[in-house]
Amino acid sequence: MPEENRDPRELVAVARYSLRTEANERALVRKAFRHLVTFEGTRAVLTRDELEHLLGGNTDASRLVERLLAARLLVTSENEHNEIVVEIIHEALIGAWPRLAEWRREDMEGSRFHQQLRTAARQWSDRGRPRGLLWRGDALAEYVRWRARQPGALTPLEAAFGTASTSDAARGRRIRRALISVAIVITCVFIIILWRANGEARQQTTRAEGMVRDSYYEQGRMLVLQGDKQKALPLLRDGGSIIVTASVAHYTGNPGYSVYGAAKAAVRSFARNWAVDLKDRKIRVNCVSPGPTETPLADKMGVPPEVMAAVIPQLLAQVPLGRMGESAEVANVIAFLASDAASYVTGTCINVDGGLSGTL
């Protein structure tokens, strides 16, 4: 009778009879049949070498396979690679043998995943073992957990597939860590470059602002020198100092000097009021009133020399120091008022007149 037409009850009886005296090998038998049945309950095909390797790869495994073949519970054939393959003789045995059904129920979850592993490993091998077919992500994580629960033997191909998958994942992690490190270094370099660029930009901005301020201050200085003090005020530096030049003529009354004396009195008034107006900007405003001083003013005013020769003795008669002042003496007082030494002096007028104003 052909093997495929054998009565399932006969197969079960043969299985029970063949294995009844080998209770000490029951775990090995169970393992053999579990590897030869798929999760769906069909026959699995393994090479003889794979089956013996799964059973421990020793003489006990080889002896058991021979006994199952002799009992005609397993059959062999040759695959397309000229390898000897082994399978259960008939699928009827899978459903009819209660002990095998019990083994399947007890190891259902492990059998399902092992079948997935076997299928993936064979596809990987058949296609030349490309990296693209290796397990990654959730599939690899499930494999690692399954191996922790099921540390038993795998076929050489299954073991190679698992090792290649875990090695590739480790390599990927190393590459990712390296890329992250490179990215961090590049980011740090970029931040440093950006920080330096921002620093240079800030310095350039500061220099530009300083140049603008200096130009304003220079405009203000020129306006002061040109006598246009009102326009100069908005351009002056906060915390600066303004010194205006009046004259003792606003104290004294001299023939022909009424307009001159009034103008100098106005300058003195400006100093007082600006000192109050500019206090919030910390700008000090003071006034210097020179007395008789040797300058080319008389010549510029067109006063004849003989007139000056007659007037000067009269002026000197009123000056306690009895001489004309010098321009440097007036400049020294102006320099004092402009310096930090006069930081608490504002709104006042200093007479540089040899004591003339004190006699009036």
Protein backbone atom coordinates (compact mmCIF):
# COMPACT_ATOMS: atom_id res chain seq x y z
CA MET A 1 0.00 0.00 0.00
CA PRO A 2 1.41 3.43 -0.91
CA GLU A 3 2.42 5.43 2.16
CA GLU A 4 0.12 8.34 1.31
CA ASN A 5 -2.90 6.00 1.38
CA ARG A 6 -2.22 4.52 4.80
CA ASP A 7 -5.00 4.72 7.33
CA PRO A 8 -4.35 7.54 9.87
CA ARG A 9 -5.28 5.17 12.69
CA GLU A 10 -2.55 2.84 11.50
CA LEU A 11 -0.05 5.72 11.52
CA VAL A 12 -1.02 6.66 15.05
CA ALA A 13 -0.72 3.05 16.17
CA VAL A 14 2.73 2.82 14.60
CA ALA A 15 3.78 6.03 16.29
CA ARG A 16 2.58 4.80 19.67
CA TYR A 17 4.16 1.40 19.24
CA SER A 18 7.48 2.74 17.96
CA LEU A 19 7.86 5.24 20.76
CA ARG A 20 6.28 3.41 23.69
CA THR A 21 9.55 2.01 25.01
CA GLU A 22 11.51 5.21 24.57
CA ALA A 23 9.98 7.38 27.28
CA ASN A 24 13.38 8.82 28.12
CA GLU A 25 13.55 10.25 24.58
CA ARG A 26 10.07 11.72 24.66
CA ALA A 27 11.33 15.34 24.88
CA LEU A 28 13.51 14.76 21.81
CA VAL A 29 10.63 13.18 19.90
CA ARG A 30 8.38 16.05 20.83
CA LYS A 31 10.95 18.52 19.57
CA ALA A 32 11.36 16.64 16.28
CA PHE A 33 7.65 16.58 15.51
CA ARG A 34 7.14 20.17 16.57
CA HIS A 35 9.77 21.27 14.04
CA LEU A 36 8.16 19.10 11.36
CA VAL A 37 4.69 20.68 11.78
CA THR A 38 3.92 24.26 10.76
CA PHE A 39 1.89 26.67 12.83
CA GLU A 40 -1.03 26.18 10.41
CA GLY A 41 -0.92 22.39 11.02
CA THR A 42 0.71 21.32 7.76
CA ARG A 43 3.90 19.37 7.15
CA ALA A 44 7.15 21.29 7.37
CA VAL A 45 10.07 20.29 5.20
CA LEU A 46 13.58 20.33 6.67
CA THR A 47 16.86 19.02 5.45
CA ARG A 48 18.06 16.06 7.43
CA ASP A 49 21.05 18.07 8.60
CA GLU A 50 18.77 20.87 9.80
CA LEU A 51 16.54 18.46 11.73
CA GLU A 52 19.45 16.70 13.39
CA HIS A 53 21.01 20.06 14.24
CA LEU A 54 17.74 21.20 15.86
CA LEU A 55 17.71 18.00 17.92
CA GLY A 56 21.19 18.63 19.27
CA GLY A 57 23.44 17.55 16.42
CA ASN A 58 24.70 14.44 18.25
CA THR A 59 24.42 10.68 17.87
CA ASP A 60 21.14 10.61 19.83
CA ALA A 61 19.60 12.98 17.30
CA SER A 62 20.86 10.92 14.35
CA ARG A 63 19.67 7.67 15.95
CA LEU A 64 16.19 9.12 16.59
CA VAL A 65 15.80 10.30 12.99
CA GLU A 66 16.81 6.84 11.75
CA ARG A 67 14.24 5.18 14.02
CA LEU A 68 11.45 7.51 12.83
CA LEU A 69 12.39 6.81 9.24
CA ALA A 70 12.48 3.09 9.91
CA ALA A 71 9.02 3.26 11.46
CA ARG A 72 7.87 5.07 8.32
CA LEU A 73 6.63 8.02 10.37
CA LEU A 74 9.02 10.21 8.39
CA VAL A 75 10.02 10.06 4.74
CA THR A 76 12.97 11.53 2.85
CA SER A 77 13.36 12.97 -0.60
CA GLU A 78 15.76 15.17 -2.51
CA ASN A 79 15.19 18.90 -3.09
CA GLU A 80 16.31 21.13 -5.95
CA HIS A 81 19.64 21.70 -4.22
CA ASN A 82 20.30 17.93 -4.11
CA GLU A 83 19.87 17.94 -0.36
CA ILE A 84 18.12 15.16 1.58
CA VAL A 85 14.94 16.59 3.09
CA VAL A 86 12.69 15.08 5.75
CA GLU A 87 8.96 15.46 6.42
CA ILE A 88 6.11 13.67 8.22
CA ILE A 89 4.80 10.86 6.09
CA HIS A 90 1.19 12.05 6.02
CA GLU A 91 -0.67 15.13 7.23
CA ALA A 92 -3.35 12.83 8.62
CA LEU A 93 -0.96 11.93 11.41
CA ILE A 94 -0.92 15.58 12.51
CA GLY A 95 -4.64 15.70 13.21
CA ALA A 96 -5.14 12.10 14.30
CA TRP A 97 -2.39 11.77 16.90
CA PRO A 98 -3.68 13.27 20.21
CA ARG A 99 -0.22 13.52 21.75
CA LEU A 100 1.05 15.58 18.79
CA ALA A 101 -2.02 17.81 18.99
CA GLU A 102 -1.30 18.37 22.67
CA TRP A 103 2.32 19.28 21.92
CA ARG A 104 1.18 21.76 19.29
CA ARG A 105 -1.21 23.49 21.69
CA GLU A 106 1.46 23.81 24.37
CA ASP A 107 3.97 25.38 21.99
CA MET A 108 1.65 27.27 19.68
CA GLU A 109 3.17 30.78 20.15
CA GLY A 110 6.77 29.58 19.89
CA SER A 111 5.91 27.53 16.81
CA ARG A 112 4.33 30.52 15.08
CA PHE A 113 7.35 32.73 15.51
CA HIS A 114 9.83 29.98 14.68
CA GLN A 115 8.00 29.41 11.42
CA GLN A 116 8.25 33.11 10.60
CA LEU A 117 11.97 32.99 11.36
CA ARG A 118 12.46 29.93 9.16
CA THR A 119 10.58 31.49 6.25
CA ALA A 120 12.47 34.80 6.52
CA ALA A 121 15.83 33.02 6.74
CA ARG A 122 15.12 30.91 3.65
CA GLN A 123 14.01 33.93 1.62
CA TRP A 124 17.15 35.76 2.71
CA SER A 125 19.33 32.81 1.67
CA ASP A 126 17.53 32.20 -1.65
CA ARG A 127 18.05 35.83 -2.69
CA GLY A 128 21.75 35.93 -1.94
CA ARG A 129 21.52 37.10 1.70
CA PRO A 130 20.93 40.83 1.02
CA ARG A 131 20.89 43.32 3.93
CA GLY A 132 17.50 44.55 2.84
CA LEU A 133 15.82 41.28 3.91
CA LEU A 134 17.28 41.28 7.42
CA TRP A 135 14.95 41.91 10.33
CA ARG A 136 14.88 45.36 11.84
CA GLY A 137 12.77 47.39 14.24
CA ASP A 138 9.81 45.55 15.80
CA ALA A 139 10.56 42.25 14.05
CA LEU A 140 14.12 42.18 15.39
CA ALA A 141 12.97 43.21 18.87
CA GLU A 142 10.46 40.32 18.85
CA TYR A 143 13.23 37.95 17.76
CA VAL A 144 15.44 39.03 20.66
CA ARG A 145 12.57 38.51 23.13
CA TRP A 146 11.72 35.13 21.58
CA ARG A 147 15.32 33.92 21.84
CA ALA A 148 15.36 34.94 25.50
CA ARG A 149 12.29 32.72 26.06
CA GLN A 150 13.34 29.97 23.63
CA PRO A 151 17.14 29.52 23.86
CA GLY A 152 17.02 26.16 22.05
CA ALA A 153 18.97 25.21 18.96
CA LEU A 154 18.35 26.85 15.58
CA THR A 155 19.33 25.59 12.17
CA PRO A 156 22.62 27.04 10.87
CA LEU A 157 20.66 29.19 8.41
CA GLU A 158 18.26 30.49 11.06
CA ALA A 159 21.15 31.23 13.41
CA ALA A 160 23.05 33.00 10.60
CA PHE A 161 19.97 35.07 9.76
CA GLY A 162 19.44 36.06 13.40
CA THR A 163 23.12 36.92 13.89
CA ALA A 164 23.21 38.95 10.67
CA SER A 165 20.07 40.86 11.72
CA THR A 166 21.38 41.73 15.19
CA SER A 167 24.84 42.62 13.79
CA ASP A 168 23.32 44.86 11.14
CA ALA A 169 21.18 46.56 13.76
CA ALA A 170 24.25 47.10 15.97
CA ARG A 171 26.13 48.48 12.96
CA GLY A 172 23.21 50.79 12.23
CA ARG A 173 23.23 52.00 15.83
CA ARG A 174 26.96 52.70 15.61
CA ILE A 175 26.48 54.60 12.38
CA ARG A 176 23.59 56.57 13.86
CA ARG A 177 25.65 57.42 16.94
CA ALA A 178 28.52 58.49 14.70
CA LEU A 179 26.19 60.61 12.57
CA ILE A 180 24.67 62.14 15.69
CA SER A 181 28.16 62.90 17.00
CA VAL A 182 29.14 64.47 13.69
CA ALA A 183 25.90 66.44 13.64
CA ILE A 184 26.57 67.66 17.19
CA VAL A 185 30.12 68.69 16.24
CA ILE A 186 28.88 70.45 13.11
CA THR A 187 26.16 72.17 15.14
CA CYS A 188 28.70 73.28 17.75
CA VAL A 189 31.03 74.58 15.03
CA PHE A 190 28.13 76.37 13.38
CA ILE A 191 27.08 77.89 16.71
CA ILE A 192 30.66 79.05 17.35
CA ILE A 193 30.91 80.52 13.85
CA LEU A 194 27.50 82.17 14.25
CA TRP A 195 28.46 83.47 17.68
CA ARG A 196 31.68 84.93 16.33
CA ALA A 197 29.88 86.38 13.33
CA ASN A 198 27.30 87.92 15.64
CA GLY A 199 30.10 89.25 17.83
CA GLU A 200 31.81 90.80 14.82
CA ALA A 201 28.48 92.19 13.63
CA ARG A 202 27.86 93.68 17.06
CA GLN A 203 31.34 95.19 17.07
CA GLN A 204 30.80 96.61 13.61
CA THR A 205 27.42 97.96 14.70
CA THR A 206 29.01 99.48 17.80
CA ARG A 207 31.76 101.03 15.70
CA ALA A 208 29.22 102.37 13.20
CA GLU A 209 27.09 103.79 15.99
CA GLY A 210 30.20 105.33 17.52
CA MET A 211 31.13 106.90 14.20
CA VAL A 212 27.62 108.30 13.86
CA ARG A 213 27.73 109.65 17.40
CA ASP A 214 31.16 111.12 16.81
CA SER A 215 29.92 112.79 13.64
CA TYR A 216 27.02 114.26 15.60
CA TYR A 217 29.37 115.44 18.30
CA GLU A 218 31.65 116.95 15.69
CA GLN A 219 28.71 118.72 14.09
CA GLY A 220 27.72 120.03 17.49
CA ARG A 221 31.28 121.16 18.17
CA MET A 222 31.44 122.97 14.86
CA LEU A 223 28.11 124.63 15.48
CA VAL A 224 29.37 125.77 18.89
CA LEU A 225 32.52 127.15 17.31
CA GLN A 226 30.38 128.89 14.69
CA GLY A 227 28.29 130.46 17.43
CA ASP A 228 25.07 128.58 16.65
CA LYS A 229 24.73 127.11 20.12
CA GLN A 230 20.98 126.43 19.97
CA LYS A 231 21.36 124.06 17.01
CA ALA A 232 24.36 122.42 18.66
CA LEU A 233 22.51 121.37 21.83
CA PRO A 234 20.72 118.25 20.43
CA LEU A 235 24.03 116.99 18.99
CA LEU A 236 26.10 117.28 22.14
CA ARG A 237 27.18 114.20 24.11
CA ASP A 238 25.30 113.46 27.35
CA GLY A 239 27.51 114.22 30.31
CA GLY A 240 29.44 116.82 28.36
CA SER A 241 30.34 120.39 29.20
CA ILE A 242 29.43 123.69 27.55
CA ILE A 243 31.45 126.85 28.21
CA VAL A 244 30.19 130.10 26.74
CA THR A 245 32.23 133.29 26.60
CA ALA A 246 30.66 136.49 27.86
CA SER A 247 32.51 139.63 29.05
CA VAL A 248 32.77 141.83 32.07
CA ALA A 249 31.12 144.38 29.77
CA HIS A 250 27.77 143.07 30.98
CA TYR A 251 28.75 144.29 34.46
CA THR A 252 30.27 147.61 33.51
CA GLY A 253 28.78 150.53 31.69
CA ASN A 254 31.04 151.94 29.03
CA PRO A 255 30.26 154.58 26.43
CA GLY A 256 29.55 153.06 23.03
CA TYR A 257 29.33 149.47 24.41
CA SER A 258 25.58 149.27 25.12
CA VAL A 259 24.80 146.70 22.43
CA TYR A 260 27.96 144.71 23.15
CA GLY A 261 27.23 144.68 26.88
CA ALA A 262 23.58 143.63 26.30
CA ALA A 263 24.68 140.77 24.02
CA LYS A 264 27.14 139.47 26.63
CA ALA A 265 24.47 139.74 29.34
CA ALA A 266 22.25 137.56 27.13
CA VAL A 267 25.06 134.99 26.82
CA ARG A 268 25.34 134.94 30.62
CA SER A 269 21.58 134.38 30.85
CA PHE A 270 21.77 131.56 28.35
CA ALA A 271 24.32 129.79 30.56
CA ARG A 272 22.07 129.99 33.61
CA ASN A 273 18.99 128.68 31.78
CA TRP A 274 20.78 125.96 29.81
CA ALA A 275 22.28 124.64 33.04
CA VAL A 276 18.74 123.91 34.21
CA ASP A 277 17.40 122.75 30.83
CA LEU A 278 20.22 120.24 30.31
CA LYS A 279 20.54 118.89 33.85
CA ASP A 280 18.74 115.60 32.92
CA ARG A 281 21.38 114.98 30.25
CA LYS A 282 24.14 115.65 32.83
CA ILE A 283 25.49 118.44 30.66
CA ARG A 284 27.17 121.22 32.63
CA VAL A 285 26.90 124.77 31.34
CA ASN A 286 29.20 127.53 32.59
CA CYS A 287 30.28 130.96 31.51
CA VAL A 288 33.65 132.73 31.35
CA SER A 289 33.73 136.56 31.39
CA PRO A 290 37.16 137.91 30.41
CA GLY A 291 38.23 141.44 31.37
CA PRO A 292 40.73 143.59 29.45
CA THR A 293 42.70 141.03 27.42
CA GLU A 294 45.31 141.40 24.75
CA THR A 295 43.57 140.26 21.57
CA PRO A 296 43.29 141.57 17.98
CA LEU A 297 39.65 142.46 18.66
CA ALA A 298 40.22 146.23 18.61
CA ASP A 299 41.95 146.06 15.26
CA LYS A 300 39.11 143.96 13.81
CA MET A 301 36.58 146.51 15.13
CA GLY A 302 38.48 149.30 13.40
CA VAL A 303 39.37 151.20 16.56
CA PRO A 304 42.23 153.62 15.74
CA PRO A 305 45.47 152.88 17.60
CA GLU A 306 45.55 156.35 19.15
CA VAL A 307 42.12 155.78 20.67
CA MET A 308 43.23 152.45 22.15
CA ALA A 309 46.37 154.09 23.48
CA ALA A 310 44.19 156.59 25.34
CA VAL A 311 41.63 154.01 26.57
CA ILE A 312 43.98 151.30 27.85
CA PRO A 313 45.52 153.38 30.66
CA GLN A 314 42.03 154.21 31.85
CA LEU A 315 41.08 150.51 31.89
CA LEU A 316 44.22 149.42 33.66
CA ALA A 317 43.60 152.07 36.34
CA GLN A 318 40.46 150.07 37.29
CA VAL A 319 42.17 146.61 37.24
CA PRO A 320 43.59 145.69 40.64
CA LEU A 321 46.35 143.62 39.01
CA GLY A 322 47.24 146.67 36.89
CA ARG A 323 47.80 144.82 33.57
CA MET A 324 46.08 143.34 30.56
CA GLY A 325 45.14 139.70 30.68
CA GLU A 326 46.52 137.11 28.27
CA SER A 327 44.51 134.71 26.08
CA ALA A 328 46.22 131.70 27.71
CA GLU A 329 44.95 132.77 31.12
CA VAL A 330 41.36 132.75 29.84
CA ALA A 331 41.98 129.40 28.09
CA ASN A 332 43.21 127.86 31.35
CA VAL A 333 39.92 128.69 33.07
CA ILE A 334 37.95 127.29 30.12
CA ALA A 335 40.02 124.09 30.25
CA PHE A 336 39.29 123.77 33.96
CA LEU A 337 35.52 124.11 33.44
CA ALA A 338 35.64 121.51 30.65
CA SER A 339 37.55 118.97 32.78
CA ASP A 340 36.35 116.48 35.41
CA ALA A 341 37.94 118.70 38.02
CA ALA A 342 34.88 120.96 37.56
CA SER A 343 32.36 118.12 37.60
CA TYR A 344 30.34 119.85 40.35
CA VAL A 345 30.38 123.29 38.72
CA THR A 346 27.44 124.35 36.53
CA GLY A 347 25.34 127.45 35.94
CA THR A 348 28.09 129.79 37.12
CA CYS A 349 30.24 132.48 35.53
CA ILE A 350 33.92 132.94 36.27
CA ASN A 351 35.35 136.41 35.72
CA VAL A 352 38.89 136.35 34.35
CA ASP A 353 39.42 140.11 34.66
CA GLY A 354 42.30 140.76 37.06
CA GLY A 355 39.79 141.75 39.79
CA LEU A 356 38.00 144.41 37.69
CA SER A 357 34.48 143.15 38.44
CA GLY A 358 35.24 143.17 42.15
CA THR A 359 35.75 146.96 42.16
CA LEU A 360 32.37 147.76 40.59
